[in-house]
N, C-alpha and C. Protein backbone atom coordinates (compact mmCIF):
# COMPACT_ATOMS: atom_id res chain seq x y z
N MET A 1 0.85 -1.17 0.00
CA MET A 1 0.00 0.00 0.00
C MET A 1 0.90 1.24 0.00
N ASN A 2 0.58 2.19 -0.84
CA ASN A 2 1.33 3.44 -0.94
C ASN A 2 0.31 4.57 -0.80
N SER A 3 0.10 5.01 0.45
CA SER A 3 -0.91 6.02 0.74
C SER A 3 -0.36 7.03 1.72
N VAL A 4 -0.57 8.31 1.43
CA VAL A 4 -0.07 9.39 2.28
C VAL A 4 -1.21 10.36 2.56
N ASN A 5 -1.40 10.71 3.82
CA ASN A 5 -2.37 11.72 4.24
C ASN A 5 -1.64 12.71 5.13
N LEU A 6 -1.65 13.98 4.77
CA LEU A 6 -0.93 15.00 5.53
C LEU A 6 -1.80 16.24 5.71
N VAL A 7 -1.59 16.92 6.83
CA VAL A 7 -2.19 18.22 7.07
C VAL A 7 -1.06 19.14 7.48
N GLY A 8 -0.99 20.31 6.83
CA GLY A 8 0.07 21.25 7.16
C GLY A 8 -0.17 22.60 6.52
N ARG A 9 0.84 23.46 6.65
CA ARG A 9 0.76 24.82 6.12
C ARG A 9 1.74 24.99 4.96
N LEU A 10 1.29 25.72 3.94
CA LEU A 10 2.16 26.01 2.80
C LEU A 10 3.33 26.87 3.25
N THR A 11 4.54 26.53 2.80
CA THR A 11 5.72 27.30 3.18
C THR A 11 5.95 28.49 2.25
N SER A 12 5.24 28.53 1.13
CA SER A 12 5.34 29.66 0.20
C SER A 12 4.07 29.69 -0.66
N ASP A 13 3.88 30.78 -1.37
CA ASP A 13 2.75 30.84 -2.30
C ASP A 13 2.95 29.79 -3.38
N PRO A 14 1.92 29.01 -3.71
CA PRO A 14 2.08 28.01 -4.76
C PRO A 14 2.25 28.66 -6.13
N GLU A 15 3.15 28.12 -6.92
CA GLU A 15 3.38 28.61 -8.28
C GLU A 15 2.86 27.56 -9.25
N VAL A 16 1.98 27.97 -10.13
CA VAL A 16 1.40 27.04 -11.11
C VAL A 16 2.17 27.18 -12.42
N ARG A 17 2.59 26.05 -12.96
CA ARG A 17 3.26 26.01 -14.26
C ARG A 17 2.48 25.08 -15.16
N TYR A 18 2.77 25.15 -16.45
CA TYR A 18 2.05 24.32 -17.41
C TYR A 18 3.04 23.51 -18.24
N THR A 19 2.68 22.26 -18.50
CA THR A 19 3.49 21.40 -19.36
C THR A 19 3.31 21.85 -20.80
N ALA A 20 4.11 21.29 -21.70
CA ALA A 20 3.98 21.61 -23.12
C ALA A 20 2.58 21.26 -23.65
N ASP A 21 1.94 20.27 -23.01
CA ASP A 21 0.58 19.86 -23.41
C ASP A 21 -0.51 20.70 -22.76
N GLY A 22 -0.11 21.69 -21.93
CA GLY A 22 -1.09 22.57 -21.30
C GLY A 22 -1.63 22.07 -19.97
N LEU A 23 -1.04 21.03 -19.39
CA LEU A 23 -1.49 20.50 -18.11
C LEU A 23 -0.88 21.32 -16.97
N ALA A 24 -1.73 21.80 -16.07
CA ALA A 24 -1.27 22.59 -14.92
C ALA A 24 -0.56 21.70 -13.92
N MET A 25 0.49 22.25 -13.28
CA MET A 25 1.26 21.53 -12.27
C MET A 25 1.77 22.52 -11.24
N SER A 26 1.77 22.11 -9.99
CA SER A 26 2.33 22.94 -8.94
C SER A 26 3.11 22.06 -7.99
N LYS A 27 4.31 22.53 -7.59
CA LYS A 27 5.12 21.86 -6.58
C LYS A 27 5.31 22.83 -5.43
N PHE A 28 5.21 22.32 -4.21
CA PHE A 28 5.38 23.18 -3.04
C PHE A 28 5.77 22.31 -1.85
N PHE A 29 6.25 22.97 -0.81
CA PHE A 29 6.58 22.28 0.43
C PHE A 29 5.48 22.55 1.44
N LEU A 30 5.18 21.53 2.24
CA LEU A 30 4.15 21.61 3.26
C LEU A 30 4.81 21.43 4.62
N ALA A 31 4.61 22.39 5.53
CA ALA A 31 5.14 22.27 6.89
C ALA A 31 4.16 21.42 7.70
N VAL A 32 4.61 20.23 8.09
CA VAL A 32 3.77 19.28 8.81
C VAL A 32 4.35 19.08 10.20
N ASP A 33 3.61 19.51 11.23
CA ASP A 33 4.09 19.35 12.60
C ASP A 33 4.20 17.87 12.97
N ARG A 34 5.28 17.54 13.66
CA ARG A 34 5.42 16.18 14.20
C ARG A 34 4.52 16.04 15.41
N VAL A 35 3.97 14.85 15.58
CA VAL A 35 3.13 14.57 16.74
C VAL A 35 4.06 14.23 17.90
N LEU A 36 4.19 15.18 18.82
CA LEU A 36 5.07 15.02 19.98
C LEU A 36 4.36 15.57 21.22
N PRO A 37 4.68 15.02 22.39
CA PRO A 37 4.15 15.63 23.61
C PRO A 37 4.64 17.08 23.70
N SER A 38 3.83 17.97 24.25
CA SER A 38 4.17 19.40 24.27
C SER A 38 5.49 19.68 24.98
N GLU A 39 5.80 18.93 26.04
CA GLU A 39 7.07 19.13 26.75
C GLU A 39 8.26 18.79 25.85
N ARG A 40 8.14 17.68 25.12
CA ARG A 40 9.23 17.26 24.23
C ARG A 40 9.40 18.25 23.08
N LYS A 41 8.27 18.73 22.55
CA LYS A 41 8.32 19.71 21.46
C LYS A 41 9.04 20.98 21.93
N LYS A 42 8.72 21.44 23.16
CA LYS A 42 9.37 22.63 23.71
C LYS A 42 10.87 22.39 23.88
N GLU A 43 11.25 21.22 24.38
CA GLU A 43 12.68 20.89 24.55
C GLU A 43 13.41 20.97 23.21
N LEU A 44 12.83 20.36 22.20
CA LEU A 44 13.46 20.37 20.88
C LEU A 44 13.59 21.78 20.34
N ARG A 45 12.55 22.58 20.49
CA ARG A 45 12.61 23.97 20.01
C ARG A 45 13.67 24.76 20.76
N ASP A 46 13.76 24.55 22.10
CA ASP A 46 14.78 25.23 22.90
C ASP A 46 16.19 24.84 22.46
N GLU A 47 16.34 23.60 21.98
CA GLU A 47 17.64 23.12 21.49
C GLU A 47 17.91 23.53 20.05
N GLY A 48 16.94 24.23 19.44
CA GLY A 48 17.11 24.67 18.06
C GLY A 48 16.87 23.57 17.04
N LYS A 49 16.20 22.51 17.46
CA LYS A 49 15.91 21.39 16.56
C LYS A 49 14.50 21.54 16.00
N LYS A 50 14.29 21.00 14.80
CA LYS A 50 12.99 21.17 14.15
C LYS A 50 11.94 20.23 14.73
N THR A 51 10.71 20.70 14.73
CA THR A 51 9.58 19.91 15.21
C THR A 51 8.55 19.71 14.11
N ALA A 52 8.99 19.94 12.88
CA ALA A 52 8.12 19.75 11.72
C ALA A 52 8.93 19.12 10.59
N ASP A 53 8.23 18.52 9.66
CA ASP A 53 8.85 17.99 8.45
C ASP A 53 8.31 18.79 7.28
N PHE A 54 9.06 18.78 6.16
CA PHE A 54 8.72 19.61 5.01
C PHE A 54 8.75 18.80 3.72
N PRO A 55 7.77 17.91 3.54
CA PRO A 55 7.75 17.12 2.30
C PRO A 55 7.37 17.97 1.09
N LYS A 56 7.94 17.59 -0.07
CA LYS A 56 7.57 18.25 -1.33
C LYS A 56 6.31 17.59 -1.86
N ILE A 57 5.35 18.42 -2.24
CA ILE A 57 4.06 17.95 -2.75
C ILE A 57 3.95 18.36 -4.22
N VAL A 58 3.40 17.47 -5.05
CA VAL A 58 3.17 17.76 -6.46
C VAL A 58 1.68 17.58 -6.73
N VAL A 59 1.08 18.58 -7.40
CA VAL A 59 -0.35 18.56 -7.71
C VAL A 59 -0.51 18.84 -9.20
N TRP A 60 -1.47 18.15 -9.83
CA TRP A 60 -1.68 18.28 -11.28
C TRP A 60 -3.08 18.75 -11.59
N GLY A 61 -3.24 19.30 -12.78
CA GLY A 61 -4.55 19.60 -13.34
C GLY A 61 -5.30 20.72 -12.66
N LYS A 62 -6.62 20.58 -12.61
CA LYS A 62 -7.50 21.61 -12.05
C LYS A 62 -7.17 21.89 -10.59
N GLN A 63 -6.76 20.86 -9.84
CA GLN A 63 -6.41 21.07 -8.44
C GLN A 63 -5.22 22.01 -8.31
N ALA A 64 -4.26 21.90 -9.22
CA ALA A 64 -3.10 22.80 -9.21
C ALA A 64 -3.55 24.23 -9.50
N GLU A 65 -4.45 24.39 -10.46
CA GLU A 65 -4.96 25.73 -10.79
C GLU A 65 -5.72 26.34 -9.61
N ASN A 66 -6.57 25.54 -8.96
CA ASN A 66 -7.32 26.02 -7.80
C ASN A 66 -6.38 26.39 -6.66
N LEU A 67 -5.36 25.61 -6.46
CA LEU A 67 -4.37 25.88 -5.43
C LEU A 67 -3.76 27.26 -5.66
N GLY A 68 -3.38 27.53 -6.91
CA GLY A 68 -2.78 28.82 -7.25
C GLY A 68 -3.73 29.99 -7.06
N LYS A 69 -5.03 29.75 -7.26
CA LYS A 69 -6.03 30.82 -7.14
C LYS A 69 -6.41 31.12 -5.70
N TYR A 70 -6.54 30.08 -4.88
CA TYR A 70 -7.22 30.25 -3.60
C TYR A 70 -6.38 30.13 -2.34
N VAL A 71 -5.14 29.67 -2.42
CA VAL A 71 -4.35 29.54 -1.20
C VAL A 71 -3.02 30.26 -1.33
N LYS A 72 -2.48 30.65 -0.19
CA LYS A 72 -1.23 31.39 -0.11
C LYS A 72 -0.37 30.82 1.01
N LYS A 73 0.83 31.32 1.09
CA LYS A 73 1.76 30.92 2.15
C LYS A 73 1.06 31.00 3.51
N GLY A 74 1.24 29.95 4.31
CA GLY A 74 0.66 29.92 5.65
C GLY A 74 -0.71 29.28 5.73
N ASP A 75 -1.39 29.11 4.59
CA ASP A 75 -2.70 28.48 4.62
C ASP A 75 -2.59 27.01 5.00
N ASN A 76 -3.58 26.53 5.70
CA ASN A 76 -3.63 25.15 6.16
C ASN A 76 -4.39 24.31 5.14
N ILE A 77 -3.77 23.22 4.68
CA ILE A 77 -4.43 22.32 3.72
C ILE A 77 -4.21 20.87 4.15
N GLY A 78 -5.10 20.01 3.67
CA GLY A 78 -4.94 18.57 3.83
C GLY A 78 -4.73 17.96 2.47
N ILE A 79 -3.89 16.95 2.38
CA ILE A 79 -3.68 16.27 1.11
C ILE A 79 -3.75 14.77 1.30
N CYS A 80 -4.22 14.09 0.28
CA CYS A 80 -4.18 12.64 0.18
C CYS A 80 -3.45 12.33 -1.12
N GLY A 81 -2.58 11.35 -1.07
CA GLY A 81 -1.83 11.01 -2.27
C GLY A 81 -0.96 9.79 -2.06
N HIS A 82 0.13 9.73 -2.82
CA HIS A 82 1.05 8.60 -2.71
C HIS A 82 2.48 9.08 -2.93
N LEU A 83 3.44 8.29 -2.43
CA LEU A 83 4.85 8.62 -2.60
C LEU A 83 5.33 8.28 -3.99
N VAL A 84 6.18 9.16 -4.52
CA VAL A 84 6.81 8.93 -5.81
C VAL A 84 8.31 9.16 -5.63
N THR A 85 9.11 8.18 -6.00
CA THR A 85 10.56 8.34 -5.90
C THR A 85 11.14 8.46 -7.30
N GLY A 86 12.27 9.10 -7.38
CA GLY A 86 12.93 9.26 -8.67
C GLY A 86 14.42 9.47 -8.47
N GLN A 87 15.11 9.60 -9.58
CA GLN A 87 16.53 9.88 -9.52
C GLN A 87 16.96 10.60 -10.78
N TRP A 88 18.03 11.37 -10.66
CA TRP A 88 18.61 12.05 -11.80
C TRP A 88 20.10 12.21 -11.54
N ILE A 89 20.83 12.52 -12.57
CA ILE A 89 22.29 12.64 -12.45
C ILE A 89 22.68 14.10 -12.60
N LYS A 90 23.41 14.59 -11.61
CA LYS A 90 23.88 15.97 -11.63
C LYS A 90 24.98 16.14 -12.67
N ASP A 91 25.31 17.38 -12.97
CA ASP A 91 26.36 17.68 -13.95
C ASP A 91 27.70 17.05 -13.56
N ASP A 92 27.94 16.90 -12.25
CA ASP A 92 29.21 16.32 -11.79
C ASP A 92 29.21 14.79 -11.80
N GLY A 93 28.10 14.19 -12.27
CA GLY A 93 28.02 12.74 -12.38
C GLY A 93 27.43 12.03 -11.18
N ASN A 94 27.14 12.75 -10.09
CA ASN A 94 26.56 12.14 -8.90
C ASN A 94 25.06 11.95 -9.07
N LYS A 95 24.57 10.81 -8.55
CA LYS A 95 23.13 10.53 -8.59
C LYS A 95 22.44 11.25 -7.45
N VAL A 96 21.26 11.80 -7.76
CA VAL A 96 20.42 12.45 -6.76
C VAL A 96 19.12 11.68 -6.70
N TYR A 97 18.72 11.28 -5.50
CA TYR A 97 17.47 10.56 -5.30
C TYR A 97 16.43 11.53 -4.74
N THR A 98 15.21 11.43 -5.22
CA THR A 98 14.14 12.32 -4.78
C THR A 98 12.94 11.52 -4.28
N THR A 99 12.22 12.11 -3.35
CA THR A 99 10.96 11.56 -2.87
C THR A 99 9.97 12.71 -2.78
N GLU A 100 8.81 12.55 -3.40
CA GLU A 100 7.75 13.55 -3.40
C GLU A 100 6.43 12.87 -3.10
N VAL A 101 5.47 13.68 -2.69
CA VAL A 101 4.11 13.19 -2.51
C VAL A 101 3.29 13.70 -3.69
N SER A 102 2.73 12.79 -4.47
CA SER A 102 1.84 13.16 -5.56
C SER A 102 0.43 13.20 -4.99
N ALA A 103 -0.13 14.42 -4.91
CA ALA A 103 -1.44 14.60 -4.27
C ALA A 103 -2.56 14.32 -5.25
N SER A 104 -3.46 13.45 -4.86
CA SER A 104 -4.64 13.16 -5.68
C SER A 104 -5.86 13.93 -5.18
N GLU A 105 -5.82 14.36 -3.91
CA GLU A 105 -6.90 15.16 -3.32
C GLU A 105 -6.31 16.26 -2.47
N ILE A 106 -6.90 17.44 -2.53
CA ILE A 106 -6.49 18.55 -1.68
C ILE A 106 -7.73 19.14 -1.03
N GLN A 107 -7.62 19.39 0.25
CA GLN A 107 -8.71 20.01 1.01
C GLN A 107 -8.20 21.33 1.56
N PHE A 108 -8.87 22.43 1.25
CA PHE A 108 -8.50 23.74 1.79
C PHE A 108 -9.10 23.83 3.18
N LEU A 109 -8.26 23.81 4.20
CA LEU A 109 -8.75 23.82 5.57
C LEU A 109 -8.87 25.22 6.14
N SER A 110 -8.00 26.10 5.72
CA SER A 110 -8.11 27.51 6.10
C SER A 110 -7.43 28.32 5.02
N SER A 111 -7.89 29.52 4.85
CA SER A 111 -7.31 30.40 3.85
C SER A 111 -7.23 31.79 4.43
N ASN A 112 -6.07 32.39 4.35
CA ASN A 112 -5.93 33.77 4.84
C ASN A 112 -6.92 34.67 4.13
N LYS A 113 -7.15 34.43 2.83
CA LYS A 113 -8.08 35.24 2.04
C LYS A 113 -9.49 35.12 2.65
N PHE A 114 -9.91 33.89 2.97
CA PHE A 114 -11.22 33.66 3.56
C PHE A 114 -11.29 34.28 4.95
N GLU A 115 -10.25 34.03 5.77
CA GLU A 115 -10.24 34.55 7.13
C GLU A 115 -10.24 36.08 7.13
N ASP A 116 -9.49 36.69 6.20
CA ASP A 116 -9.47 38.15 6.10
C ASP A 116 -10.85 38.68 5.74
N SER A 117 -11.55 38.03 4.80
CA SER A 117 -12.88 38.50 4.41
C SER A 117 -13.86 38.35 5.56
N GLN A 118 -13.72 37.27 6.33
CA GLN A 118 -14.60 37.08 7.48
C GLN A 118 -14.34 38.15 8.54
N SER A 119 -13.07 38.49 8.77
CA SER A 119 -12.72 39.53 9.74
C SER A 119 -13.29 40.86 9.32
N LYS A 120 -13.19 41.19 8.02
CA LYS A 120 -13.70 42.46 7.52
C LYS A 120 -15.22 42.52 7.67
N LYS A 121 -15.92 41.38 7.44
CA LYS A 121 -17.37 41.37 7.61
C LYS A 121 -17.74 41.63 9.06
N LYS A 122 -17.00 41.02 9.99
CA LYS A 122 -17.27 41.22 11.42
C LYS A 122 -17.05 42.66 11.83
N GLU A 123 -15.95 43.27 11.31
CA GLU A 123 -15.64 44.66 11.63
C GLU A 123 -16.75 45.58 11.11
N LYS A 124 -17.25 45.33 9.89
CA LYS A 124 -18.32 46.15 9.32
C LYS A 124 -19.60 46.03 10.12
N SER A 125 -19.89 44.81 10.58
CA SER A 125 -21.14 44.61 11.32
C SER A 125 -21.09 45.27 12.69
N LYS A 126 -19.89 45.48 13.24
CA LYS A 126 -19.75 46.16 14.53
C LYS A 126 -19.93 47.66 14.38
N SER A 127 -19.67 48.19 13.18
CA SER A 127 -19.75 49.64 12.94
C SER A 127 -21.17 50.15 12.91
């Protein structure tokens, strides 16, 4: 079984690119907190060690286009997909191995754009 489910925050604004055939694609990193007891997490942070992982996610088609339209750095999303490994050879002849998550489903869990619009509506209703 090759199944991945992650929830995390985008580390940058997603950039949508298109293949020669016109298929949309986006690659981005997702900051995923490690599940740790709060005391252990604090210890690691105090030691300057990371408490999150940053897998590379790849999204194709309409989902990639929607990602580019509706989410930004810091937004919380959920993804379902599978691991994809690959390799390539650098100019110096060394092999580089890669691991990415190919997302088949994306769920927008929070959006700064949505939260900002909700805040503005609340402010207007108070006036």
